[in-house]
C-alpha atoms as a PDB file:
ATOM      1  CA  UNK A   1     152.343 136.330 179.776  1.00  0.00           C
ATOM      2  CA  UNK A   2     149.468 135.386 177.593  1.00  0.00           C
ATOM      3  CA  UNK A   3     145.902 135.054 179.216  1.00  0.00           C
ATOM      4  CA  UNK A   4     144.186 131.986 177.848  1.00  0.00           C
ATOM      5  CA  UNK A   5     140.505 130.970 178.734  1.00  0.00           C
ATOM      6  CA  UNK A   6     140.144 127.195 178.305  1.00  0.00           C
ATOM      7  CA  UNK A   7     136.432 126.060 178.326  1.00  0.00           C
ATOM      8  CA  UNK A   8     136.334 122.474 178.394  1.00  0.00           C
ATOM      9  CA  UNK A   9     134.027 120.085 180.296  1.00  0.00           C
ATOM     10  CA  UNK A  10     136.113 117.053 180.243  1.00  0.00           C
ATOM     11  CA  UNK A  11     138.319 117.023 183.336  1.00  0.00           C
ATOM     12  CA  UNK A  12     141.015 115.008 182.065  1.00  0.00           C
ATOM     13  CA  UNK A  13     141.376 117.277 178.902  1.00  0.00           C
ATOM     14  CA  UNK A  14     140.989 120.365 181.015  1.00  0.00           C
ATOM     15  CA  UNK A  15     143.722 119.278 183.624  1.00  0.00           C
ATOM     16  CA  UNK A  16     146.125 118.142 180.849  1.00  0.00           C
ATOM     17  CA  UNK A  17     145.739 121.303 178.673  1.00  0.00           C
ATOM     18  CA  UNK A  18     145.983 123.654 181.465  1.00  0.00           C
ATOM     19  CA  UNK A  19     149.041 122.082 183.030  1.00  0.00           C
ATOM     20  CA  UNK A  20     150.722 122.130 179.511  1.00  0.00           C
ATOM     21  CA  UNK A  21     149.808 125.785 178.925  1.00  0.00           C
ATOM     22  CA  UNK A  22     150.974 126.892 182.460  1.00  0.00           C
ATOM     23  CA  UNK A  23     154.377 125.188 182.020  1.00  0.00           C
ATOM     24  CA  UNK A  24     154.844 127.315 178.998  1.00  0.00           C
ATOM     25  CA  UNK A  25     154.233 130.454 181.097  1.00  0.00           C
ATOM     26  CA  UNK A  26     150.674 131.259 180.277  1.00  0.00           C
ATOM     27  CA  UNK A  27     147.925 132.472 182.642  1.00  0.00           C
ATOM     28  CA  UNK A  28     145.117 130.024 182.263  1.00  0.00           C
ATOM     29  CA  UNK A  29     141.490 130.392 183.453  1.00  0.00           C
ATOM     30  CA  UNK A  30     139.100 127.495 183.158  1.00  0.00           C
ATOM     31  CA  UNK A  31     135.365 127.170 182.417  1.00  0.00           C
ATOM     32  CA  UNK A  32     133.568 123.868 182.538  1.00  0.00           C
ATOM     33  CA  UNK A  33     130.450 124.791 180.315  1.00  0.00           C
ATOM     34  CA  UNK A  34     129.532 127.506 177.788  1.00  0.00           C
ATOM     35  CA  UNK A  35     127.730 129.819 180.250  1.00  0.00           C
ATOM     36  CA  UNK A  36     130.650 130.025 182.510  1.00  0.00           C
ATOM     37  CA  UNK A  37     132.944 130.529 179.483  1.00  0.00           C
ATOM     38  CA  UNK A  38     130.863 133.646 178.355  1.00  0.00           C
ATOM     39  CA  UNK A  39     131.058 135.148 181.843  1.00  0.00           C
ATOM     40  CA  UNK A  40     134.880 134.635 182.304  1.00  0.00           C
ATOM     41  CA  UNK A  41     135.484 135.854 178.658  1.00  0.00           C
ATOM     42  CA  UNK A  42     133.666 139.084 179.782  1.00  0.00           C
ATOM     43  CA  UNK A  43     135.233 139.434 183.074  1.00  0.00           C
ATOM     44  CA  UNK A  44     138.767 138.209 182.458  1.00  0.00           C
ATOM     45  CA  UNK A  45     139.303 139.669 179.002  1.00  0.00           C
ATOM     46  CA  UNK A  46     141.521 136.789 177.847  1.00  0.00           C
ATOM     47  CA  UNK A  47     144.040 137.097 174.892  1.00  0.00           C
ATOM     48  CA  UNK A  48     142.823 133.874 173.625  1.00  0.00           C
ATOM     49  CA  UNK A  49     140.078 131.273 174.066  1.00  0.00           C
ATOM     50  CA  UNK A  50     140.388 127.691 173.527  1.00  0.00           C
ATOM     51  CA  UNK A  51     136.649 126.446 173.246  1.00  0.00           C
ATOM     52  CA  UNK A  52     135.291 122.921 173.295  1.00  0.00           C
ATOM     53  CA  UNK A  53     132.358 122.762 170.894  1.00  0.00           C
ATOM     54  CA  UNK A  54     130.442 120.105 172.786  1.00  0.00           C
ATOM     55  CA  UNK A  55     129.640 121.742 176.064  1.00  0.00           C
ATOM     56  CA  UNK A  56     126.757 121.388 178.579  1.00  0.00           C
ATOM     57  CA  UNK A  57     124.510 124.456 179.400  1.00  0.00           C
ATOM     58  CA  UNK A  58     125.459 126.592 176.360  1.00  0.00           C
ATOM     59  CA  UNK A  59     127.418 124.694 173.577  1.00  0.00           C
ATOM     60  CA  UNK A  60     130.716 125.885 172.167  1.00  0.00           C
ATOM     61  CA  UNK A  61     128.969 127.106 168.919  1.00  0.00           C
ATOM     62  CA  UNK A  62     126.580 129.355 170.667  1.00  0.00           C
ATOM     63  CA  UNK A  63     129.093 130.609 173.106  1.00  0.00           C
ATOM     64  CA  UNK A  64     131.394 131.475 170.426  1.00  0.00           C
ATOM     65  CA  UNK A  65     128.589 133.412 168.685  1.00  0.00           C
ATOM     66  CA  UNK A  66     127.942 135.319 171.651  1.00  0.00           C
ATOM     67  CA  UNK A  67     131.500 136.132 172.367  1.00  0.00           C
ATOM     68  CA  UNK A  68     131.895 137.575 168.686  1.00  0.00           C
ATOM     69  CA  UNK A  69     128.640 139.448 169.032  1.00  0.00           C
ATOM     70  CA  UNK A  70     129.688 141.256 172.141  1.00  0.00           C
ATOM     71  CA  UNK A  71     131.908 144.428 171.604  1.00  0.00           C
ATOM     72  CA  UNK A  72     134.117 143.767 174.616  1.00  0.00           C
ATOM     73  CA  UNK A  73     135.127 140.316 173.277  1.00  0.00           C
ATOM     74  CA  UNK A  74     134.617 140.147 169.509  1.00  0.00           C
ATOM     75  CA  UNK A  75     138.475 140.707 168.932  1.00  0.00           C
ATOM     76  CA  UNK A  76     139.525 137.827 171.095  1.00  0.00           C
ATOM     77  CA  UNK A  77     140.573 134.853 168.916  1.00  0.00           C
ATOM     78  CA  UNK A  78     138.672 131.626 169.536  1.00  0.00           C
ATOM     79  CA  UNK A  79     140.275 128.297 168.705  1.00  0.00           C
ATOM     80  CA  UNK A  80     137.748 125.373 168.563  1.00  0.00           C
ATOM     81  CA  UNK A  81     138.529 122.196 170.233  1.00  0.00           C
ATOM     82  CA  UNK A  82     136.538 119.238 169.239  1.00  0.00           C
ATOM     83  CA  UNK A  83     136.588 115.350 169.008  1.00  0.00           C
ATOM     84  CA  UNK A  84     134.307 115.572 166.004  1.00  0.00           C
ATOM     85  CA  UNK A  85     137.007 116.073 163.235  1.00  0.00           C
END
């Protein structure tokens, strides 16, 4: 089972994505802002992070930089989620 951290502040997007991922058999952990995402990335050690780029507290860009700078999480793939395509 793949452990996925979903960092998304929009409740509808978070709910829809997490339910779809869980139905596919993934273990999903949720964060609603970049700060919580950083904390869970470190404590939960996910296999994959789905990161919204427009987040409160710490935006997804800065959270991703910090995740990639930390020894414990630098190898975790991060996929950016954004409405600003």
